[in-house]
Amino acid sequence: MSTLAKNNRNAARAYVPTSALAKSVEFDDEMMRVHLTDGRIVSVPLIWFPLLSDATPEQRAHYEIGGGGTSLHWPDIDEDISVAGLMAGADWQSM
């Protein structure tokens, strides 16, 4: 089998996500973790988001996933975060 044919066969089996979509969010004392539908987990320091950092665990747990997984919203504290922004590394100092 030629190298080209072997590479094409391997490429056909590779999974390449077309977009990062949120499926759940979890917190600990220092980090927010966003679980994506493609299996990745994006972890960011909670201090990047002062409203979430100051929120109670109950307020953090009450979130909504919007746009088919492209955005996160916490109605109790009126906080919105895009998954694209998390993936790009946008933090509170760059906003």
N, C-alpha and C. Protein backbone atom coordinates (compact mmCIF):
# COMPACT_ATOMS: atom_id res chain seq x y z
N MET A 1 0.85 -1.18 0.00
CA MET A 1 0.00 0.00 0.00
C MET A 1 0.89 1.23 0.00
N SER A 2 0.55 2.18 -0.83
CA SER A 2 1.34 3.40 -0.91
C SER A 2 1.14 4.25 0.33
N THR A 3 2.09 5.14 0.58
CA THR A 3 1.99 6.05 1.73
C THR A 3 0.77 6.94 1.59
N LEU A 4 0.48 7.41 0.39
CA LEU A 4 -0.67 8.27 0.15
C LEU A 4 -1.97 7.54 0.48
N ALA A 5 -2.09 6.31 0.03
CA ALA A 5 -3.30 5.52 0.31
C ALA A 5 -3.44 5.28 1.80
N LYS A 6 -2.32 5.00 2.48
CA LYS A 6 -2.36 4.77 3.92
C LYS A 6 -2.78 6.03 4.66
N ASN A 7 -2.25 7.20 4.26
CA ASN A 7 -2.62 8.47 4.89
C ASN A 7 -4.09 8.79 4.66
N ASN A 8 -4.59 8.53 3.44
CA ASN A 8 -6.00 8.78 3.16
C ASN A 8 -6.89 7.88 4.01
N ARG A 9 -6.50 6.62 4.18
CA ARG A 9 -7.29 5.70 4.99
C ARG A 9 -7.32 6.17 6.44
N ASN A 10 -6.17 6.59 6.98
CA ASN A 10 -6.13 7.08 8.35
C ASN A 10 -6.92 8.37 8.51
N ALA A 11 -6.88 9.26 7.53
CA ALA A 11 -7.61 10.51 7.60
C ALA A 11 -9.11 10.27 7.59
N ALA A 12 -9.56 9.27 6.87
CA ALA A 12 -10.98 8.97 6.82
C ALA A 12 -11.51 8.50 8.17
N ARG A 13 -10.66 7.90 8.99
CA ARG A 13 -11.08 7.40 10.29
C ARG A 13 -10.91 8.43 11.39
N ALA A 14 -10.15 9.47 11.14
CA ALA A 14 -9.91 10.48 12.18
C ALA A 14 -11.16 11.31 12.42
N TYR A 15 -11.42 11.62 13.70
CA TYR A 15 -12.54 12.48 14.05
C TYR A 15 -12.04 13.90 14.17
N VAL A 16 -12.61 14.78 13.40
CA VAL A 16 -12.22 16.19 13.44
C VAL A 16 -13.47 17.00 13.80
N PRO A 17 -13.50 17.58 15.02
CA PRO A 17 -14.68 18.36 15.40
C PRO A 17 -14.83 19.59 14.53
N THR A 18 -16.06 19.93 14.22
CA THR A 18 -16.31 21.12 13.40
C THR A 18 -16.54 22.35 14.26
N SER A 19 -16.91 22.17 15.51
CA SER A 19 -17.07 23.30 16.41
C SER A 19 -17.04 22.81 17.85
N ALA A 20 -16.75 23.71 18.75
CA ALA A 20 -16.72 23.39 20.18
C ALA A 20 -18.07 23.76 20.77
N LEU A 21 -18.78 22.75 21.28
CA LEU A 21 -20.10 22.98 21.84
C LEU A 21 -20.13 22.50 23.29
N ALA A 22 -20.66 23.33 24.17
CA ALA A 22 -20.72 22.99 25.59
C ALA A 22 -21.83 21.98 25.84
N LYS A 23 -21.54 21.03 26.77
CA LYS A 23 -22.60 20.12 27.19
C LYS A 23 -22.83 20.18 28.70
N SER A 24 -21.83 20.62 29.47
CA SER A 24 -22.02 20.80 30.91
C SER A 24 -20.91 21.66 31.47
N VAL A 25 -21.15 22.16 32.70
CA VAL A 25 -20.18 23.02 33.39
C VAL A 25 -20.08 22.55 34.82
N GLU A 26 -18.85 22.56 35.35
CA GLU A 26 -18.65 22.24 36.77
C GLU A 26 -17.61 23.18 37.35
N PHE A 27 -17.65 23.32 38.66
CA PHE A 27 -16.76 24.25 39.37
C PHE A 27 -16.11 23.56 40.55
N ASP A 28 -14.92 24.04 40.91
CA ASP A 28 -14.37 23.80 42.24
C ASP A 28 -14.04 25.18 42.80
N ASP A 29 -13.29 25.25 43.86
CA ASP A 29 -13.02 26.55 44.49
C ASP A 29 -12.23 27.51 43.61
N GLU A 30 -11.45 26.97 42.66
CA GLU A 30 -10.57 27.81 41.86
C GLU A 30 -10.80 27.78 40.36
N MET A 31 -11.47 26.73 39.86
CA MET A 31 -11.57 26.54 38.42
C MET A 31 -13.01 26.32 37.95
N MET A 32 -13.25 26.71 36.70
CA MET A 32 -14.48 26.35 35.99
C MET A 32 -14.07 25.39 34.89
N ARG A 33 -14.80 24.29 34.75
CA ARG A 33 -14.53 23.32 33.70
C ARG A 33 -15.77 23.20 32.82
N VAL A 34 -15.56 23.42 31.52
CA VAL A 34 -16.64 23.30 30.56
C VAL A 34 -16.38 22.04 29.75
N HIS A 35 -17.31 21.10 29.85
CA HIS A 35 -17.22 19.84 29.11
C HIS A 35 -17.85 20.05 27.74
N LEU A 36 -17.11 19.70 26.69
CA LEU A 36 -17.57 19.89 25.33
C LEU A 36 -18.10 18.59 24.74
N THR A 37 -18.95 18.71 23.74
CA THR A 37 -19.56 17.53 23.13
C THR A 37 -18.55 16.63 22.43
N ASP A 38 -17.39 17.17 22.06
CA ASP A 38 -16.39 16.34 21.38
C ASP A 38 -15.43 15.65 22.35
N GLY A 39 -15.68 15.79 23.65
CA GLY A 39 -14.86 15.10 24.65
C GLY A 39 -13.83 15.97 25.33
N ARG A 40 -13.56 17.14 24.80
CA ARG A 40 -12.59 18.03 25.45
C ARG A 40 -13.19 18.66 26.69
N ILE A 41 -12.31 19.08 27.60
CA ILE A 41 -12.70 19.83 28.78
C ILE A 41 -11.84 21.09 28.82
N VAL A 42 -12.49 22.24 28.84
CA VAL A 42 -11.78 23.52 28.91
C VAL A 42 -11.82 23.97 30.36
N SER A 43 -10.65 24.15 30.96
CA SER A 43 -10.55 24.61 32.35
C SER A 43 -9.99 26.01 32.37
N VAL A 44 -10.66 26.88 33.12
CA VAL A 44 -10.21 28.26 33.24
C VAL A 44 -10.30 28.69 34.70
N PRO A 45 -9.40 29.58 35.12
CA PRO A 45 -9.47 30.08 36.49
C PRO A 45 -10.77 30.83 36.73
N LEU A 46 -11.40 30.54 37.83
CA LEU A 46 -12.66 31.19 38.19
C LEU A 46 -12.48 32.69 38.38
N ILE A 47 -11.30 33.12 38.80
CA ILE A 47 -11.04 34.54 39.03
C ILE A 47 -11.14 35.36 37.74
N TRP A 48 -11.07 34.71 36.57
CA TRP A 48 -11.24 35.42 35.30
C TRP A 48 -12.63 36.02 35.19
N PHE A 49 -13.58 35.48 35.95
CA PHE A 49 -14.98 35.89 35.85
C PHE A 49 -15.48 36.31 37.22
N PRO A 50 -15.28 37.59 37.57
CA PRO A 50 -15.60 38.06 38.92
C PRO A 50 -17.03 37.76 39.37
N LEU A 51 -18.02 37.87 38.47
CA LEU A 51 -19.39 37.57 38.87
C LEU A 51 -19.54 36.11 39.28
N LEU A 52 -18.93 35.21 38.54
CA LEU A 52 -18.98 33.79 38.90
C LEU A 52 -18.16 33.51 40.15
N SER A 53 -17.04 34.17 40.27
CA SER A 53 -16.18 33.99 41.43
C SER A 53 -16.89 34.39 42.72
N ASP A 54 -17.67 35.46 42.65
CA ASP A 54 -18.39 35.96 43.82
C ASP A 54 -19.73 35.25 44.05
N ALA A 55 -20.19 34.47 43.09
CA ALA A 55 -21.50 33.82 43.18
C ALA A 55 -21.45 32.65 44.17
N THR A 56 -22.63 32.31 44.66
CA THR A 56 -22.74 31.13 45.53
C THR A 56 -22.67 29.87 44.67
N PRO A 57 -22.35 28.73 45.28
CA PRO A 57 -22.36 27.48 44.52
C PRO A 57 -23.72 27.21 43.85
N GLU A 58 -24.80 27.59 44.52
CA GLU A 58 -26.14 27.41 43.94
C GLU A 58 -26.33 28.27 42.69
N GLN A 59 -25.84 29.52 42.75
CA GLN A 59 -25.94 30.41 41.58
C GLN A 59 -25.10 29.88 40.43
N ARG A 60 -23.92 29.36 40.72
CA ARG A 60 -23.07 28.80 39.66
C ARG A 60 -23.71 27.57 39.04
N ALA A 61 -24.36 26.77 39.85
CA ALA A 61 -24.98 25.53 39.36
C ALA A 61 -26.20 25.79 38.48
N HIS A 62 -26.78 26.99 38.59
CA HIS A 62 -27.96 27.34 37.80
C HIS A 62 -27.52 28.07 36.53
N TYR A 63 -27.18 27.28 35.52
CA TYR A 63 -26.72 27.85 34.25
C TYR A 63 -27.58 27.30 33.12
N GLU A 64 -27.52 28.00 32.00
CA GLU A 64 -28.21 27.59 30.79
C GLU A 64 -27.20 27.52 29.66
N ILE A 65 -27.36 26.53 28.80
CA ILE A 65 -26.53 26.42 27.60
C ILE A 65 -27.37 26.91 26.44
N GLY A 66 -26.86 27.92 25.73
CA GLY A 66 -27.61 28.53 24.63
C GLY A 66 -26.93 28.31 23.29
N GLY A 67 -27.66 28.66 22.25
CA GLY A 67 -27.10 28.60 20.90
C GLY A 67 -26.65 27.21 20.49
N GLY A 68 -27.32 26.19 21.00
CA GLY A 68 -26.92 24.83 20.66
C GLY A 68 -25.60 24.42 21.26
N GLY A 69 -25.13 25.16 22.26
CA GLY A 69 -23.87 24.84 22.92
C GLY A 69 -22.79 25.88 22.73
N THR A 70 -23.13 26.99 22.09
CA THR A 70 -22.12 28.02 21.82
C THR A 70 -21.97 29.05 22.92
N SER A 71 -22.93 29.08 23.85
CA SER A 71 -22.86 30.09 24.91
C SER A 71 -23.36 29.54 26.24
N LEU A 72 -22.92 30.18 27.31
CA LEU A 72 -23.31 29.82 28.67
C LEU A 72 -23.91 31.06 29.32
N HIS A 73 -24.98 30.84 30.09
CA HIS A 73 -25.67 31.96 30.74
C HIS A 73 -26.04 31.57 32.16
N TRP A 74 -25.78 32.46 33.11
CA TRP A 74 -26.17 32.30 34.51
C TRP A 74 -27.22 33.37 34.81
N PRO A 75 -28.51 33.01 34.78
CA PRO A 75 -29.56 34.02 34.94
C PRO A 75 -29.57 34.69 36.30
N ASP A 76 -29.19 33.99 37.35
CA ASP A 76 -29.22 34.57 38.70
C ASP A 76 -28.24 35.72 38.88
N ILE A 77 -27.16 35.72 38.09
CA ILE A 77 -26.15 36.77 38.23
C ILE A 77 -25.96 37.56 36.94
N ASP A 78 -26.75 37.24 35.91
CA ASP A 78 -26.70 37.91 34.61
C ASP A 78 -25.30 37.87 34.00
N GLU A 79 -24.71 36.67 33.94
CA GLU A 79 -23.38 36.47 33.35
C GLU A 79 -23.53 35.65 32.08
N ASP A 80 -22.84 36.07 31.03
CA ASP A 80 -22.83 35.37 29.75
C ASP A 80 -21.39 35.15 29.31
N ILE A 81 -21.10 33.93 28.85
CA ILE A 81 -19.76 33.58 28.39
C ILE A 81 -19.91 32.77 27.11
N SER A 82 -19.14 33.12 26.09
CA SER A 82 -19.16 32.34 24.86
C SER A 82 -18.11 31.23 24.95
N VAL A 83 -18.44 30.09 24.37
CA VAL A 83 -17.49 28.99 24.32
C VAL A 83 -16.29 29.39 23.46
N ALA A 84 -16.54 30.12 22.39
CA ALA A 84 -15.44 30.59 21.53
C ALA A 84 -14.46 31.45 22.32
N GLY A 85 -14.99 32.31 23.21
CA GLY A 85 -14.12 33.14 24.04
C GLY A 85 -13.28 32.30 24.99
N LEU A 86 -13.89 31.27 25.56
CA LEU A 86 -13.12 30.37 26.43
C LEU A 86 -12.01 29.67 25.65
N MET A 87 -12.35 29.21 24.46
CA MET A 87 -11.37 28.51 23.63
C MET A 87 -10.22 29.43 23.21
N ALA A 88 -10.54 30.72 23.03
CA ALA A 88 -9.52 31.69 22.62
C ALA A 88 -8.68 32.17 23.79
N GLY A 89 -9.13 31.85 25.03
CA GLY A 89 -8.39 32.27 26.19
C GLY A 89 -8.75 33.66 26.65
N ALA A 90 -9.92 34.16 26.26
CA ALA A 90 -10.34 35.50 26.69
C ALA A 90 -10.56 35.50 28.20
N ASP A 91 -9.96 36.44 28.87
CA ASP A 91 -10.15 36.55 30.31
C ASP A 91 -10.61 37.96 30.65
N TRP A 92 -10.93 38.17 31.89
CA TRP A 92 -11.50 39.45 32.32
C TRP A 92 -10.56 40.63 32.07
N GLN A 93 -9.25 40.40 32.01
CA GLN A 93 -8.31 41.50 31.79
C GLN A 93 -8.30 41.96 30.34
N SER A 94 -8.75 41.09 29.42
CA SER A 94 -8.73 41.47 28.01
C SER A 94 -10.06 41.99 27.52
N MET A 95 -11.08 42.05 28.40
CA MET A 95 -12.41 42.50 27.96
C MET A 95 -12.54 43.99 28.11
